[in-house]
PDB file of all heavy atoms in Angstrom:
ATOM      1  N   ASN A   1       0.796  -1.221   0.000  1.00  0.00           N
ATOM      2  CA  ASN A   1       0.000   0.000   0.000  1.00  0.00           C
ATOM      3  C   ASN A   1       0.832   1.276   0.000  1.00  0.00           C
ATOM      4  O   ASN A   1       0.500   2.247  -0.686  1.00  0.00           O
ATOM      5  CB  ASN A   1      -0.932   0.009   1.219  1.00  0.00           C
ATOM      6  CG  ASN A   1      -2.081  -0.959   1.078  1.00  0.00           C
ATOM      7  OD1 ASN A   1      -2.217  -1.637   0.066  1.00  0.00           O
ATOM      8  ND2 ASN A   1      -2.913  -1.033   2.097  1.00  0.00           N
ATOM      9  N   PHE A   2       1.902   1.333   0.790  1.00  0.00           N
ATOM     10  CA  PHE A   2       2.657   2.577   0.881  1.00  0.00           C
ATOM     11  C   PHE A   2       3.283   2.927  -0.459  1.00  0.00           C
ATOM     12  O   PHE A   2       3.372   4.106  -0.827  1.00  0.00           O
ATOM     13  CB  PHE A   2       3.730   2.483   1.966  1.00  0.00           C
ATOM     14  CG  PHE A   2       4.028   3.796   2.633  1.00  0.00           C
ATOM     15  CD1 PHE A   2       3.278   4.226   3.710  1.00  0.00           C
ATOM     16  CD2 PHE A   2       5.048   4.614   2.170  1.00  0.00           C
ATOM     17  CE1 PHE A   2       3.536   5.447   4.326  1.00  0.00           C
ATOM     18  CE2 PHE A   2       5.309   5.835   2.777  1.00  0.00           C
ATOM     19  CZ  PHE A   2       4.560   6.254   3.853  1.00  0.00           C
ATOM     20  N   ALA A   3       3.707   1.914  -1.195  1.00  0.00           N
ATOM     21  CA  ALA A   3       4.257   2.155  -2.527  1.00  0.00           C
ATOM     22  C   ALA A   3       3.185   2.704  -3.460  1.00  0.00           C
ATOM     23  O   ALA A   3       3.428   3.629  -4.239  1.00  0.00           O
ATOM     24  CB  ALA A   3       4.846   0.859  -3.085  1.00  0.00           C
ATOM     25  N   LEU A   4       1.987   2.129  -3.391  1.00  0.00           N
ATOM     26  CA  LEU A   4       0.896   2.621  -4.241  1.00  0.00           C
ATOM     27  C   LEU A   4       0.528   4.045  -3.855  1.00  0.00           C
ATOM     28  O   LEU A   4       0.248   4.881  -4.729  1.00  0.00           O
ATOM     29  CB  LEU A   4      -0.304   1.696  -4.118  1.00  0.00           C
ATOM     30  CG  LEU A   4      -0.096   0.278  -4.671  1.00  0.00           C
ATOM     31  CD1 LEU A   4      -1.281  -0.617  -4.306  1.00  0.00           C
ATOM     32  CD2 LEU A   4       0.112   0.297  -6.177  1.00  0.00           C
ATOM     33  N   GLY A   5       0.518   4.333  -2.572  1.00  0.00           N
ATOM     34  CA  GLY A   5       0.237   5.693  -2.138  1.00  0.00           C
ATOM     35  C   GLY A   5       1.308   6.664  -2.592  1.00  0.00           C
ATOM     36  O   GLY A   5       1.026   7.830  -2.903  1.00  0.00           O
ATOM     37  N   ALA A   6       2.572   6.218  -2.633  1.00  0.00           N
ATOM     38  CA  ALA A   6       3.665   7.081  -3.084  1.00  0.00           C
ATOM     39  C   ALA A   6       3.506   7.445  -4.555  1.00  0.00           C
ATOM     40  O   ALA A   6       3.768   8.579  -4.962  1.00  0.00           O
ATOM     41  CB  ALA A   6       5.007   6.394  -2.843  1.00  0.00           C
ATOM     42  N   VAL A   7       3.080   6.495  -5.371  1.00  0.00           N
ATOM     43  CA  VAL A   7       2.811   6.777  -6.783  1.00  0.00           C
ATOM     44  C   VAL A   7       1.608   7.712  -6.896  1.00  0.00           C
ATOM     45  O   VAL A   7       1.560   8.608  -7.740  1.00  0.00           O
ATOM     46  CB  VAL A   7       2.567   5.477  -7.565  1.00  0.00           C
ATOM     47  CG1 VAL A   7       2.226   5.770  -9.021  1.00  0.00           C
ATOM     48  CG2 VAL A   7       3.796   4.560  -7.490  1.00  0.00           C
ATOM     49  N   ASP A   8       0.620   7.469  -6.048  1.00  0.00           N
ATOM     50  CA  ASP A   8      -0.599   8.286  -5.956  1.00  0.00           C
ATOM     51  C   ASP A   8      -1.366   8.338  -7.273  1.00  0.00           C
ATOM     52  O   ASP A   8      -1.806   9.403  -7.717  1.00  0.00           O
ATOM     53  CB  ASP A   8      -0.279   9.695  -5.463  1.00  0.00           C
ATOM     54  CG  ASP A   8      -1.505  10.403  -4.870  1.00  0.00           C
ATOM     55  OD1 ASP A   8      -2.517   9.715  -4.613  1.00  0.00           O
ATOM     56  OD2 ASP A   8      -1.445  11.630  -4.679  1.00  0.00           O
ATOM     57  N   ASP A   9      -1.539   7.173  -7.858  1.00  0.00           N
ATOM     58  CA  ASP A   9      -2.366   7.020  -9.064  1.00  0.00           C
ATOM     59  C   ASP A   9      -3.472   6.019  -8.724  1.00  0.00           C
ATOM     60  O   ASP A   9      -3.240   4.808  -8.770  1.00  0.00           O
ATOM     61  CB  ASP A   9      -1.506   6.512 -10.219  1.00  0.00           C
ATOM     62  CG  ASP A   9      -2.299   6.283 -11.501  1.00  0.00           C
ATOM     63  OD1 ASP A   9      -3.541   6.388 -11.476  1.00  0.00           O
ATOM     64  OD2 ASP A   9      -1.671   5.979 -12.540  1.00  0.00           O
ATOM     65  N   PRO A  10      -4.667   6.478  -8.356  1.00  0.00           N
ATOM     66  CA  PRO A  10      -5.723   5.545  -7.945  1.00  0.00           C
ATOM     67  C   PRO A  10      -6.062   4.499  -9.010  1.00  0.00           C
ATOM     68  O   PRO A  10      -6.431   3.377  -8.657  1.00  0.00           O
ATOM     69  CB  PRO A  10      -6.917   6.467  -7.669  1.00  0.00           C
ATOM     70  CG  PRO A  10      -6.289   7.765  -7.273  1.00  0.00           C
ATOM     71  CD  PRO A  10      -5.082   7.886  -8.158  1.00  0.00           C
ATOM     72  N   GLU A  11      -5.912   4.839 -10.277  1.00  0.00           N
ATOM     73  CA  GLU A  11      -6.184   3.844 -11.316  1.00  0.00           C
ATOM     74  C   GLU A  11      -5.167   2.715 -11.274  1.00  0.00           C
ATOM     75  O   GLU A  11      -5.500   1.553 -11.519  1.00  0.00           O
ATOM     76  CB  GLU A  11      -6.191   4.517 -12.695  1.00  0.00           C
ATOM     77  CG  GLU A  11      -7.370   5.456 -12.901  1.00  0.00           C
ATOM     78  CD  GLU A  11      -8.706   4.762 -12.651  1.00  0.00           C
ATOM     79  OE1 GLU A  11      -8.903   3.643 -13.156  1.00  0.00           O
ATOM     80  OE2 GLU A  11      -9.546   5.328 -11.926  1.00  0.00           O
ATOM     81  N   LEU A  12      -3.916   3.042 -10.963  1.00  0.00           N
ATOM     82  CA  LEU A  12      -2.902   2.004 -10.803  1.00  0.00           C
ATOM     83  C   LEU A  12      -3.230   1.131  -9.597  1.00  0.00           C
ATOM     84  O   LEU A  12      -3.116  -0.101  -9.659  1.00  0.00           O
ATOM     85  CB  LEU A  12      -1.522   2.637 -10.636  1.00  0.00           C
ATOM     86  CG  LEU A  12      -0.365   1.658 -10.414  1.00  0.00           C
ATOM     87  CD1 LEU A  12      -0.123   0.820 -11.657  1.00  0.00           C
ATOM     88  CD2 LEU A  12       0.904   2.408 -10.011  1.00  0.00           C
ATOM     89  N   THR A  13      -3.628   1.762  -8.500  1.00  0.00           N
ATOM     90  CA  THR A  13      -4.019   1.005  -7.310  1.00  0.00           C
ATOM     91  C   THR A  13      -5.152   0.039  -7.630  1.00  0.00           C
ATOM     92  O   THR A  13      -5.115  -1.137  -7.230  1.00  0.00           O
ATOM     93  CB  THR A  13      -4.434   1.970  -6.185  1.00  0.00           C
ATOM     94  OG1 THR A  13      -3.299   2.750  -5.805  1.00  0.00           O
ATOM     95  CG2 THR A  13      -4.965   1.224  -4.970  1.00  0.00           C
ATOM     96  N   ALA A  14      -6.160   0.512  -8.350  1.00  0.00           N
ATOM     97  CA  ALA A  14      -7.281  -0.350  -8.725  1.00  0.00           C
ATOM     98  C   ALA A  14      -6.814  -1.485  -9.625  1.00  0.00           C
ATOM     99  O   ALA A  14      -7.282  -2.623  -9.495  1.00  0.00           O
ATOM    100  CB  ALA A  14      -8.364   0.472  -9.416  1.00  0.00           C
ATOM    101  N   ALA A  15      -5.888  -1.216 -10.530  1.00  0.00           N
ATOM    102  CA  ALA A  15      -5.387  -2.257 -11.427  1.00  0.00           C
ATOM    103  C   ALA A  15      -4.623  -3.329 -10.656  1.00  0.00           C
ATOM    104  O   ALA A  15      -4.737  -4.530 -10.946  1.00  0.00           O
ATOM    105  CB  ALA A  15      -4.496  -1.638 -12.502  1.00  0.00           C
ATOM    106  N   VAL A  16      -3.841  -2.903  -9.652  1.00  0.00           N
ATOM    107  CA  VAL A  16      -3.090  -3.866  -8.846  1.00  0.00           C
ATOM    108  C   VAL A  16      -4.041  -4.744  -8.039  1.00  0.00           C
ATOM    109  O   VAL A  16      -3.882  -5.976  -7.974  1.00  0.00           O
ATOM    110  CB  VAL A  16      -2.088  -3.135  -7.930  1.00  0.00           C
ATOM    111  CG1 VAL A  16      -1.508  -4.090  -6.892  1.00  0.00           C
ATOM    112  CG2 VAL A  16      -0.973  -2.512  -8.758  1.00  0.00           C
ATOM    113  N   SER A  17      -5.045  -4.131  -7.404  1.00  0.00           N
ATOM    114  CA  SER A  17      -5.970  -4.940  -6.604  1.00  0.00           C
ATOM    115  C   SER A  17      -6.843  -5.818  -7.492  1.00  0.00           C
ATOM    116  O   SER A  17      -7.225  -6.932  -7.098  1.00  0.00           O
ATOM    117  CB  SER A  17      -6.829  -4.060  -5.700  1.00  0.00           C
ATOM    118  OG  SER A  17      -7.683  -3.216  -6.434  1.00  0.00           O
ATOM    119  N   ARG A  18      -7.144  -5.368  -8.690  1.00  0.00           N
ATOM    120  CA  ARG A  18      -7.901  -6.201  -9.629  1.00  0.00           C
ATOM    121  C   ARG A  18      -7.069  -7.423 -10.043  1.00  0.00           C
ATOM    122  O   ARG A  18      -7.590  -8.534 -10.167  1.00  0.00           O
ATOM    123  CB  ARG A  18      -8.293  -5.381 -10.860  1.00  0.00           C
ATOM    124  CG  ARG A  18      -9.272  -6.092 -11.791  1.00  0.00           C
ATOM    125  CD  ARG A  18      -9.656  -5.200 -12.974  1.00  0.00           C
ATOM    126  NE  ARG A  18     -10.185  -3.922 -12.519  1.00  0.00           N
ATOM    127  CZ  ARG A  18      -9.590  -2.752 -12.718  1.00  0.00           C
ATOM    128  NH1 ARG A  18      -8.428  -2.686 -13.357  1.00  0.00           N
ATOM    129  NH2 ARG A  18     -10.147  -1.639 -12.274  1.00  0.00           N
ATOM    130  N   ASP A  19      -5.770  -7.217 -10.218  1.00  0.00           N
ATOM    131  CA  ASP A  19      -4.889  -8.338 -10.557  1.00  0.00           C
ATOM    132  C   ASP A  19      -4.796  -9.318  -9.393  1.00  0.00           C
ATOM    133  O   ASP A  19      -4.768 -10.545  -9.595  1.00  0.00           O
ATOM    134  CB  ASP A  19      -3.506  -7.808 -10.925  1.00  0.00           C
ATOM    135  CG  ASP A  19      -2.566  -8.910 -11.378  1.00  0.00           C
ATOM    136  OD1 ASP A  19      -2.865  -9.559 -12.405  1.00  0.00           O
ATOM    137  OD2 ASP A  19      -1.542  -9.138 -10.706  1.00  0.00           O
ATOM    138  N   LEU A  20      -4.758  -8.805  -8.173  1.00  0.00           N
ATOM    139  CA  LEU A  20      -4.786  -9.687  -7.005  1.00  0.00           C
ATOM    140  C   LEU A  20      -6.085 -10.475  -6.971  1.00  0.00           C
ATOM    141  O   LEU A  20      -6.085 -11.692  -6.703  1.00  0.00           O
ATOM    142  CB  LEU A  20      -4.634  -8.864  -5.723  1.00  0.00           C
ATOM    143  CG  LEU A  20      -4.842  -9.628  -4.418  1.00  0.00           C
ATOM    144  CD1 LEU A  20      -3.776 -10.697  -4.245  1.00  0.00           C
ATOM    145  CD2 LEU A  20      -4.855  -8.678  -3.225  1.00  0.00           C
ATOM    146  N   ALA A  21      -7.194  -9.808  -7.244  1.00  0.00           N
ATOM    147  CA  ALA A  21      -8.490 -10.493  -7.247  1.00  0.00           C
ATOM    148  C   ALA A  21      -8.502 -11.625  -8.265  1.00  0.00           C
ATOM    149  O   ALA A  21      -9.063 -12.700  -8.007  1.00  0.00           O
ATOM    150  CB  ALA A  21      -9.611  -9.500  -7.545  1.00  0.00           C
ATOM    151  N   ARG A  22      -7.889 -11.381  -9.417  1.00  0.00           N
ATOM    152  CA  ARG A  22      -7.812 -12.443 -10.429  1.00  0.00           C
ATOM    153  C   ARG A  22      -7.154 -13.685  -9.841  1.00  0.00           C
ATOM    154  O   ARG A  22      -7.636 -14.808 -10.000  1.00  0.00           O
ATOM    155  CB  ARG A  22      -7.020 -11.936 -11.634  1.00  0.00           C
ATOM    156  CG  ARG A  22      -6.692 -12.997 -12.657  1.00  0.00           C
ATOM    157  CD  ARG A  22      -5.483 -12.612 -13.483  1.00  0.00           C
ATOM    158  NE  ARG A  22      -4.309 -12.288 -12.684  1.00  0.00           N
ATOM    159  CZ  ARG A  22      -3.542 -13.191 -12.075  1.00  0.00           C
ATOM    160  NH1 ARG A  22      -3.834 -14.491 -12.163  1.00  0.00           N
ATOM    161  NH2 ARG A  22      -2.502 -12.829 -11.364  1.00  0.00           N
ATOM    162  N   GLN A  23      -6.049 -13.493  -9.132  1.00  0.00           N
ATOM    163  CA  GLN A  23      -5.326 -14.613  -8.544  1.00  0.00           C
ATOM    164  C   GLN A  23      -6.143 -15.297  -7.445  1.00  0.00           C
ATOM    165  O   GLN A  23      -6.226 -16.535  -7.388  1.00  0.00           O
ATOM    166  CB  GLN A  23      -3.988 -14.123  -7.992  1.00  0.00           C
ATOM    167  CG  GLN A  23      -3.090 -15.213  -7.443  1.00  0.00           C
ATOM    168  CD  GLN A  23      -1.775 -14.660  -6.932  1.00  0.00           C
ATOM    169  OE1 GLN A  23      -1.665 -13.463  -6.620  1.00  0.00           O
ATOM    170  NE2 GLN A  23      -0.757 -15.508  -6.836  1.00  0.00           N
ATOM    171  N   LEU A  24      -6.745 -14.497  -6.567  1.00  0.00           N
ATOM    172  CA  LEU A  24      -7.530 -15.071  -5.473  1.00  0.00           C
ATOM    173  C   LEU A  24      -8.789 -15.754  -5.993  1.00  0.00           C
ATOM    174  O   LEU A  24      -9.181 -16.822  -5.506  1.00  0.00           O
ATOM    175  CB  LEU A  24      -7.899 -13.979  -4.465  1.00  0.00           C
ATOM    176  CG  LEU A  24      -6.741 -13.283  -3.748  1.00  0.00           C
ATOM    177  CD1 LEU A  24      -7.276 -12.228  -2.784  1.00  0.00           C
ATOM    178  CD2 LEU A  24      -5.873 -14.299  -3.009  1.00  0.00           C
TER     179      LEU A  24
END
């Protein structure tokens, strides 16, 4: 999370969590 917050691009954050959801 801290890395995603450092980038501060909510669309990137959503893409990362969507990719995690794919795996789970």
